[in-house]
Every structure is written in structure tokens, then in C-alpha cells.
């Protein structure tokens, strides 16, 4: 069997987390069966008993194609439902290429699901993201507002540009799927955490999809714009706080050492003391910063040799710029304290350095 034939025949189960669905779930399942797509793994995330008849119909439709209905009575959240399905696939479908996640409310058409499956087969090591267009008037304001803000915050925190952070239509490689079982997040914030875990480690392929909503007024969503947004931004905040801690602690070490070295070398080397102090402080703080960024902030899996080489090159460039710019300003404006000048210059250089570290130095994207 050729490579293309293996790709086309690869097993890609469809995961549908569902909480109190309506007939749109049955319509979707009928359409998937009609296109010979499946198997489908449905997780009944603690729906009340009045929805049992929906799930009974759903189970009858998916079992004939090797699918599975998993139910529990207490609502645990979308994140937990996805993890439950991932565990089932890992334990029962080890030959799967990966899986595709879709919502049960009719937003994701069989055609769009099919496109995600095809893209996953073409890019088996990428996270495939079905992205909606948010410039259309029919988008509910909660979805439009939540995504617009989150996209900008996410890009700043993660260094990865994503067009739709809240899309539930995703193709996930098997290896990444098994890693996500232990990923933090139990509700809607889990999908944001998934993107953070992807950043710098796996490729991201975006596929434009149709936006299907009944109307602004009738569209039903279990996403709470207040509670769930807090959960999402709490996750983004934790990553940012790690960055601030690593950066601030490195900055403090650098400034204290710089000040100490200025006191030690100012009289002995009146023309070179700024450069000497900059180099000495930067070498020590850079080693500390590399280690804490590699293990704590970016949780990198990149080769230590490659990342250290890139980091050292970046540190040298940044150090030279810092020494040169600070020396120039001290020469031109001798009335301003050297340490104050260095604080301002290094803050600006750091903003650039963080982006470079995230995208180039510590990126461990798997090919």
C-alpha cells in the first residue's frame, strides 16, 4: 500500500463533547453516517435525564460505525469531556492517526469536519484549527468580543498568532492528544491551554470554515462570557507571571551586579567601566536567565546545545547593544545616573529579546 493510500485509510475518530444537546446533534450524526465518516466518540458531560432520549438516538447511530457513547451524571466541563474521549482513543484505538474534535450544536458542518480530517492526514504532526471569520455580522457578540480580545492577548503571551482561539473544530495528532490528557484545564479554558501547549512545539495549520449560527438571538452556547473568560485569562496570566518572574529576577540580578561592578571598576577604568560592568553582569544573569527560561517559562524541548548556542548569540548581541547604547548616552548626557540609563535601555531591549527567545531560541516545534 502506497503512502497516499495509507493516509487516506488512516483512522481518525471524531470527538463530540456534548452537554444538553438538541436535535442538531442527531442531524449531524446522520450526516456523518451518510458520508461514511467516523467512528464518533460522544461524551455526555453530565446532561440531565430529560436529554437521555437524545443520547439514546445518538448511541444507536454511532455504534454501528464503531463509535462510543461515554456518559457521567455530573457536569465536569468541556475540558474534562475532551480528556475522557482522548483517554478512550488512546486505550482503544492505538492505531489512530489522531482525532478531530467538533461541537454538538450544529456549528460544524460535515463538510468542514471532512476538511479538518483531510488536513490532519496531510499534516499529521500539526494541530489543525478550523477558523471562523469574525468580520461577519451574524457572529454572536459574545463569540466576536471574546475571540477578538483573546486573540490579541494570546499572541502577546504565547508568541503564536492564532485566528480563532475558541474554535472547537480541531484536528489533533495522536502524540499531542495523549500529552493533552495531562494538560491543565477542565472547562472552556482547556482549549486555550491546548494552544499554549502547541506553541513552539507543534506546527499549526489553520483551515477556514463556515460559520453556522441560527441567529444572534437563538444561538445557544454554554460558554459563560464572564466565568469562562476569567478561567481563560487566568491561564494566560499564569504564563505571563512566569515570564515576569523570570525576567524581573534576571533583571534584578543584572542591575545589582552592574551597580557593584561600576563601584569596583569606575576609578580603575574610567573609559571602560560601563562596558566591563555590563559584560560581567550580563554573563552571570544570562546563565541564570537561560536556565529558568528553558525549564520554567517556555518548558522547551529543543536541543540544549542548539538553544544554548542561539541564546548565547542573542545575549552577546543584546549585551553589545546595551553597552554601546548606555555608553553613548552616558557620554552625551553625563548628568544622568548610569544605572538609570541602563534600566531604561535594557527594558526596551528585553521586549525585543523575549519575542526572539520565544520564536527562535526555545522553540521546539516538531517537524
Protein backbone atom coordinates (compact mmCIF):
# COMPACT_ATOMS: atom_id res chain seq x y z
CA UNK A 1 0.00 0.00 0.00
CA UNK A 2 1.40 3.37 -1.02
CA UNK A 3 1.95 6.34 1.27
CA UNK A 4 -1.08 8.19 -0.11
CA UNK A 5 -3.27 5.11 0.34
CA UNK A 6 -2.11 4.75 3.96
CA UNK A 7 -3.00 8.40 4.59
CA UNK A 8 -6.44 8.09 3.05
CA UNK A 9 -7.27 4.98 5.07
CA UNK A 10 -5.89 6.26 8.39
CA UNK A 11 -8.25 6.04 11.35
CA UNK A 12 -9.36 9.50 12.55
CA UNK A 13 -12.14 9.30 15.16
CA UNK A 14 -14.41 12.30 15.67
CA UNK A 15 -14.82 13.52 19.26
CA UNK A 16 -18.02 15.35 20.21
CA UNK A 17 -18.30 16.64 23.81
CA UNK A 18 -21.97 17.29 24.49
CA UNK A 19 -23.94 18.95 27.26
CA UNK A 20 -27.73 19.03 26.99
CA UNK A 21 -27.87 18.88 23.17
CA UNK A 22 -30.91 19.21 20.92
CA UNK A 23 -31.84 17.55 17.64
CA UNK A 24 -28.94 19.23 15.85
CA UNK A 25 -26.68 16.54 17.30
CA UNK A 26 -28.80 13.83 15.66
CA UNK A 27 -28.82 15.76 12.39
CA UNK A 28 -25.03 15.97 12.48
CA UNK A 29 -24.61 12.26 13.21
CA UNK A 30 -26.95 11.29 10.38
CA UNK A 31 -24.96 13.49 8.02
CA UNK A 32 -21.65 11.98 9.17
CA UNK A 33 -23.02 8.46 8.65
CA UNK A 34 -24.22 9.47 5.21
CA UNK A 35 -20.67 10.50 4.30
CA UNK A 36 -19.13 7.33 5.84
CA UNK A 37 -17.29 9.40 8.45
CA UNK A 38 -16.44 8.08 11.85
CA UNK A 39 -16.12 6.46 14.28
CA UNK A 40 -17.62 9.06 16.58
CA UNK A 41 -16.86 9.32 20.29
CA UNK A 42 -19.56 11.26 22.17
CA UNK A 43 -19.11 12.32 25.78
CA UNK A 44 -22.33 13.14 27.62
CA UNK A 45 -20.96 15.72 30.03
CA UNK A 46 -23.49 15.37 32.84
CA UNK A 47 -26.66 16.29 30.94
CA UNK A 48 -29.90 15.99 32.91
CA UNK A 49 -32.15 12.97 32.41
CA UNK A 50 -34.53 14.81 30.09
CA UNK A 51 -31.81 14.59 27.42
CA UNK A 52 -31.42 10.82 27.70
CA UNK A 53 -33.59 10.22 24.64
CA UNK A 54 -31.23 12.33 22.53
CA UNK A 55 -28.24 10.32 23.66
CA UNK A 56 -30.07 7.03 23.12
CA UNK A 57 -30.67 8.03 19.49
CA UNK A 58 -27.07 9.19 19.20
CA UNK A 59 -25.69 5.95 20.59
CA UNK A 60 -27.71 3.90 18.10
CA UNK A 61 -26.29 5.97 15.24
CA UNK A 62 -22.62 5.83 16.26
CA UNK A 63 -22.26 2.24 17.48
CA UNK A 64 -22.97 0.85 14.01
CA UNK A 65 -19.77 2.56 12.83
CA UNK A 66 -17.60 1.58 15.81
CA UNK A 67 -18.34 4.71 17.86
CA UNK A 68 -18.78 5.02 21.61
CA UNK A 69 -21.03 6.97 23.98
CA UNK A 70 -19.44 7.82 27.32
CA UNK A 71 -21.69 9.30 29.98
CA UNK A 72 -21.45 10.60 33.52
CA UNK A 73 -24.09 12.42 35.55
CA UNK A 74 -22.20 15.38 36.99
CA UNK A 75 -21.22 18.19 34.65
CA UNK A 76 -17.42 18.33 34.61
CA UNK A 77 -16.79 20.75 31.78
CA UNK A 78 -15.73 20.61 28.15
CA UNK A 79 -12.06 20.15 29.00
CA UNK A 80 -12.73 17.08 31.09
CA UNK A 81 -15.05 15.68 28.41
CA UNK A 82 -12.31 16.02 25.80
CA UNK A 83 -9.76 14.37 28.07
CA UNK A 84 -12.16 11.49 28.68
CA UNK A 85 -12.51 10.93 24.94
CA UNK A 86 -8.74 11.21 24.42
CA UNK A 87 -8.18 8.54 27.07
CA UNK A 88 -10.67 6.24 25.35
CA UNK A 89 -8.97 6.68 21.98
CA UNK A 90 -5.52 6.14 23.49
CA UNK A 91 -6.60 2.91 25.18
CA UNK A 92 -8.86 1.51 22.46
CA UNK A 93 -7.65 2.98 19.16
CA UNK A 94 -3.84 2.98 19.36
CA UNK A 95 -3.60 2.88 15.57
CA UNK A 96 -5.42 6.19 15.11
CA UNK A 97 -3.62 8.98 13.28
CA UNK A 98 -5.18 11.42 15.71
CA UNK A 99 -8.68 12.75 16.26
CA UNK A 100 -10.94 15.60 15.27
CA UNK A 101 -12.98 17.48 17.86
CA UNK A 102 -16.31 19.08 16.92
CA UNK A 103 -19.21 20.74 18.73
CA UNK A 104 -22.67 19.21 19.03
CA UNK A 105 -24.68 22.39 18.39
CA UNK A 106 -24.62 22.38 14.60
CA UNK A 107 -21.82 24.96 14.17
CA UNK A 108 -19.55 22.49 12.43
CA UNK A 109 -20.82 21.01 9.18
CA UNK A 110 -19.82 17.54 7.94
CA UNK A 111 -18.03 19.25 5.07
CA UNK A 112 -15.88 21.30 7.43
CA UNK A 113 -15.18 18.27 9.61
CA UNK A 114 -14.11 16.39 6.49
CA UNK A 115 -11.71 19.22 5.58
CA UNK A 116 -10.09 19.04 9.02
CA UNK A 117 -9.68 15.26 8.72
CA UNK A 118 -8.09 15.64 5.28
CA UNK A 119 -5.75 18.34 6.54
CA UNK A 120 -4.70 16.19 9.51
CA UNK A 121 -3.83 13.38 7.11
CA UNK A 122 -1.75 15.81 5.05
CA UNK A 123 -0.09 17.35 8.12
CA UNK A 124 -0.07 14.53 10.71
CA UNK A 125 2.29 16.41 13.07
CA UNK A 126 0.34 19.69 13.10
CA UNK A 127 -2.54 20.90 15.20
CA UNK A 128 -5.26 21.63 12.66
CA UNK A 129 -7.54 24.52 13.60
CA UNK A 130 -10.83 25.30 11.89
CA UNK A 131 -11.02 29.10 11.99
CA UNK A 132 -14.10 31.27 11.63
CA UNK A 133 -14.29 34.74 10.11
CA UNK A 134 -15.12 37.33 12.74
CA UNK A 135 -15.96 40.24 10.50
CA UNK A 136 -19.38 38.88 9.68
CA UNK A 137 -22.46 40.43 11.20
CA UNK A 138 -24.12 37.10 12.03
CA UNK A 139 -21.48 36.21 14.63
CA UNK A 140 -22.97 36.42 18.16
CA UNK A 141 -21.42 39.28 20.05
CA UNK A 142 -20.15 37.00 22.82
CA UNK A 143 -18.14 34.96 20.33
CA UNK A 144 -16.93 38.03 18.44
CA UNK A 145 -15.88 40.01 21.51
CA UNK A 146 -14.33 37.05 23.33
CA UNK A 147 -12.25 35.98 20.36
CA UNK A 148 -11.15 39.46 19.30
CA UNK A 149 -9.71 40.26 22.72
CA UNK A 150 -8.32 36.80 23.40
CA UNK A 151 -6.56 36.62 20.02
CA UNK A 152 -4.52 39.74 20.82
CA UNK A 153 -3.71 38.70 24.39
CA UNK A 154 -2.83 35.17 23.31
CA UNK A 155 -0.47 36.39 20.58
CA UNK A 156 1.40 38.55 23.09
CA UNK A 157 1.70 35.84 25.75
CA UNK A 158 2.44 32.86 23.53
CA UNK A 159 4.20 34.39 20.54
CA UNK A 160 1.91 32.41 18.23
CA UNK A 161 -0.65 34.09 16.01
CA UNK A 162 -3.98 32.26 16.06
CA UNK A 163 -7.03 33.48 14.15
CA UNK A 164 -9.65 31.76 16.32
CA UNK A 165 -8.67 30.78 19.86
CA UNK A 166 -12.10 29.43 20.80
CA UNK A 167 -12.83 27.22 17.81
CA UNK A 168 -13.94 23.74 18.85
CA UNK A 169 -13.18 22.22 15.45
CA UNK A 170 -9.64 20.87 15.69
CA UNK A 171 -7.53 18.06 14.30
CA UNK A 172 -5.11 16.74 16.89
CA UNK A 173 -2.16 14.41 16.18
CA UNK A 174 -2.19 11.22 18.25
CA UNK A 175 1.03 12.01 20.14
CA UNK A 176 -0.11 15.51 21.03
CA UNK A 177 -3.54 14.15 22.00
CA UNK A 178 -2.01 11.75 24.54
CA UNK A 179 0.07 14.58 26.01
CA UNK A 180 -3.03 16.75 26.37
CA UNK A 181 -4.64 14.20 28.70
CA UNK A 182 -2.44 15.57 31.50
CA UNK A 183 -2.87 19.19 30.42
CA UNK A 184 -4.48 21.54 32.96
CA UNK A 185 -7.98 22.91 32.44
CA UNK A 186 -11.40 21.32 32.93
CA UNK A 187 -13.77 23.66 31.10
CA UNK A 188 -13.55 26.03 28.12
CA UNK A 189 -10.13 27.24 29.23
CA UNK A 190 -8.75 23.82 28.28
CA UNK A 191 -8.89 24.73 24.59
CA UNK A 192 -6.75 27.80 25.28
CA UNK A 193 -4.34 25.66 27.26
CA UNK A 194 -4.14 23.30 24.27
CA UNK A 195 -2.97 26.18 22.08
CA UNK A 196 -0.38 27.22 24.65
CA UNK A 197 0.94 23.65 24.74
CA UNK A 198 1.14 23.69 20.94
CA UNK A 199 3.10 26.95 20.75
CA UNK A 200 6.73 26.34 19.84
CA UNK A 201 6.33 22.55 19.91
CA UNK A 202 3.98 21.61 17.08
CA UNK A 203 3.06 23.22 13.82
CA UNK A 204 -0.28 24.96 13.44
CA UNK A 205 -2.36 24.70 10.28
CA UNK A 206 -5.46 26.90 10.01
CA UNK A 207 -8.37 25.90 7.79
CA UNK A 208 -11.14 28.48 7.08
CA UNK A 209 -14.56 27.05 7.95
CA UNK A 210 -18.14 28.11 7.52
CA UNK A 211 -19.76 29.98 10.38
CA UNK A 212 -23.13 28.42 11.14
CA UNK A 213 -25.39 30.25 13.60
CA UNK A 214 -29.19 30.26 13.70
CA UNK A 215 -29.26 33.91 14.66
CA UNK A 216 -27.78 36.29 17.17
CA UNK A 217 -30.74 35.72 19.48
CA UNK A 218 -31.33 32.00 19.07
CA UNK A 219 -27.84 30.62 19.06
CA UNK A 220 -27.30 28.51 22.17
CA UNK A 221 -23.90 28.39 23.82
CA UNK A 222 -22.81 27.10 27.21
CA UNK A 223 -19.86 29.49 27.18
CA UNK A 224 -20.21 31.98 30.02
CA UNK A 225 -18.54 35.20 28.83
CA UNK A 226 -17.69 36.19 32.41
CA UNK A 227 -16.77 32.99 34.25
CA UNK A 228 -15.15 31.22 31.32
CA UNK A 229 -13.25 34.34 30.24
CA UNK A 230 -11.82 34.60 33.76
CA UNK A 231 -10.65 30.99 33.53
CA UNK A 232 -9.06 31.62 30.14
CA UNK A 233 -7.26 34.78 31.20
CA UNK A 234 -6.16 33.14 34.44
CA UNK A 235 -4.28 30.57 32.34
CA UNK A 236 -2.76 33.26 30.13
CA UNK A 237 -1.96 35.24 33.26
CA UNK A 238 -0.08 32.35 34.82
CA UNK A 239 2.22 32.13 31.80
CA UNK A 240 2.73 35.88 31.83
CA UNK A 241 3.52 35.84 35.57
CA UNK A 242 6.15 33.17 34.95
CA UNK A 243 7.64 35.40 32.28
CA UNK A 244 7.57 38.41 34.59
CA UNK A 245 9.17 36.46 37.44
CA UNK A 246 11.97 35.09 35.25
CA UNK A 247 12.54 38.45 33.62
CA UNK A 248 12.35 40.51 36.78
CA UNK A 249 14.62 38.22 38.78
CA UNK A 250 17.18 38.19 35.94
CA UNK A 251 16.86 41.96 35.61
CA UNK A 252 17.42 42.49 39.33
CA UNK A 253 20.49 40.23 39.33
CA UNK A 254 21.85 42.06 36.30
CA UNK A 255 21.26 45.55 37.72
CA UNK A 256 22.69 44.70 41.15
CA UNK A 257 25.80 43.17 39.62
CA UNK A 258 26.14 46.09 37.20
CA UNK A 259 25.97 48.57 40.08
CA UNK A 260 28.50 46.54 42.08
CA UNK A 261 30.91 46.31 39.14
CA UNK A 262 30.56 50.06 38.45
CA UNK A 263 31.66 50.77 42.03
CA UNK A 264 34.57 48.34 41.65
CA UNK A 265 35.90 49.48 38.27
CA UNK A 266 34.88 53.13 37.84
CA UNK A 267 38.11 54.61 39.20
CA UNK A 268 40.42 51.94 37.76
CA UNK A 269 38.93 52.06 34.24
CA UNK A 270 37.27 55.47 33.73
CA UNK A 271 36.74 54.94 29.99
CA UNK A 272 35.74 51.29 30.04
CA UNK A 273 33.99 50.75 33.37
CA UNK A 274 30.49 50.81 31.85
CA UNK A 275 31.36 48.12 29.30
CA UNK A 276 33.19 45.97 31.87
CA UNK A 277 30.28 46.21 34.31
CA UNK A 278 27.77 45.44 31.55
CA UNK A 279 29.64 42.36 30.34
CA UNK A 280 30.28 40.94 33.81
CA UNK A 281 26.71 41.42 34.99
CA UNK A 282 25.21 40.15 31.76
CA UNK A 283 27.24 36.92 31.64
CA UNK A 284 26.11 35.89 35.11
CA UNK A 285 22.48 36.96 34.73
CA UNK A 286 22.29 35.41 31.24
CA UNK A 287 23.26 31.96 32.50
CA UNK A 288 20.59 32.20 35.18
CA UNK A 289 18.02 33.51 32.71
CA UNK A 290 18.72 30.78 30.16
CA UNK A 291 18.20 28.01 32.70
CA UNK A 292 14.98 29.41 34.14
CA UNK A 293 13.53 30.19 30.70
CA UNK A 294 14.37 26.76 29.32
CA UNK A 295 12.87 24.81 32.23
CA UNK A 296 10.28 27.12 33.76
CA UNK A 297 8.94 29.67 31.28
CA UNK A 298 9.00 28.04 27.85
CA UNK A 299 9.26 24.42 29.03
CA UNK A 300 11.33 23.86 25.95
CA UNK A 301 12.12 20.51 24.39
CA UNK A 302 14.62 21.98 21.98
CA UNK A 303 18.15 20.63 21.92
CA UNK A 304 20.05 22.16 24.83
CA UNK A 305 23.10 22.62 22.61
CA UNK A 306 21.18 24.39 19.85
CA UNK A 307 19.11 26.54 22.19
CA UNK A 308 22.14 27.47 24.29
CA UNK A 309 24.06 28.49 21.17
CA UNK A 310 21.18 30.65 19.96
CA UNK A 311 20.69 32.10 23.43
CA UNK A 312 24.40 32.90 23.77
CA UNK A 313 24.37 34.63 20.37
CA UNK A 314 21.31 36.63 21.36
CA UNK A 315 22.87 37.50 24.73
CA UNK A 316 26.06 38.73 23.05
CA UNK A 317 24.13 40.89 20.60
CA UNK A 318 21.92 42.26 23.36
CA UNK A 319 24.94 42.84 25.61
CA UNK A 320 26.80 44.75 22.88
CA UNK A 321 23.77 46.88 22.15
CA UNK A 322 23.28 47.57 25.85
CA UNK A 323 26.92 48.50 26.41
CA UNK A 324 27.09 50.63 23.27
CA UNK A 325 23.83 52.50 23.80
CA UNK A 326 24.39 53.08 27.53
CA UNK A 327 27.97 54.26 26.93
CA UNK A 328 26.79 56.66 24.23
CA UNK A 329 24.04 58.12 26.41
CA UNK A 330 26.40 58.45 29.40
CA UNK A 331 28.87 60.28 27.15
CA UNK A 332 26.21 62.59 25.74
CA UNK A 333 24.28 63.08 28.99
CA UNK A 334 26.78 62.69 31.86
CA UNK A 335 24.37 64.29 34.34
CA UNK A 336 22.09 61.24 34.26
CA UNK A 337 22.96 58.31 36.52
CA UNK A 338 24.43 55.33 34.65
CA UNK A 339 22.19 52.81 36.40
CA UNK A 340 19.05 54.74 35.49
CA UNK A 341 20.11 54.86 31.86
CA UNK A 342 20.81 51.13 31.85
CA UNK A 343 17.38 50.35 33.34
CA UNK A 344 15.63 52.20 30.53
CA UNK A 345 17.78 50.81 27.72
CA UNK A 346 17.62 47.22 28.92
CA UNK A 347 13.86 47.34 29.37
CA UNK A 348 13.44 48.23 25.71
CA UNK A 349 15.95 45.61 24.59
CA UNK A 350 14.23 43.00 26.71
CA UNK A 351 10.88 43.46 24.99
CA UNK A 352 12.56 42.56 21.71
CA UNK A 353 14.58 39.76 23.30
CA UNK A 354 11.54 37.99 24.69
CA UNK A 355 9.95 37.67 21.27
CA UNK A 356 13.18 36.36 19.77
CA UNK A 357 13.61 33.82 22.57
CA UNK A 358 10.09 32.53 22.24
CA UNK A 359 10.05 32.19 18.47
CA UNK A 360 13.65 31.24 17.70
CA UNK A 361 15.69 30.24 20.73
CA UNK A 362 13.41 27.96 22.73
CA UNK A 363 11.06 26.83 20.00
CA UNK A 364 10.97 23.02 19.91
CA UNK A 365 8.42 22.66 17.12
CA UNK A 366 8.42 19.08 15.91
CA UNK A 367 8.89 18.54 12.21
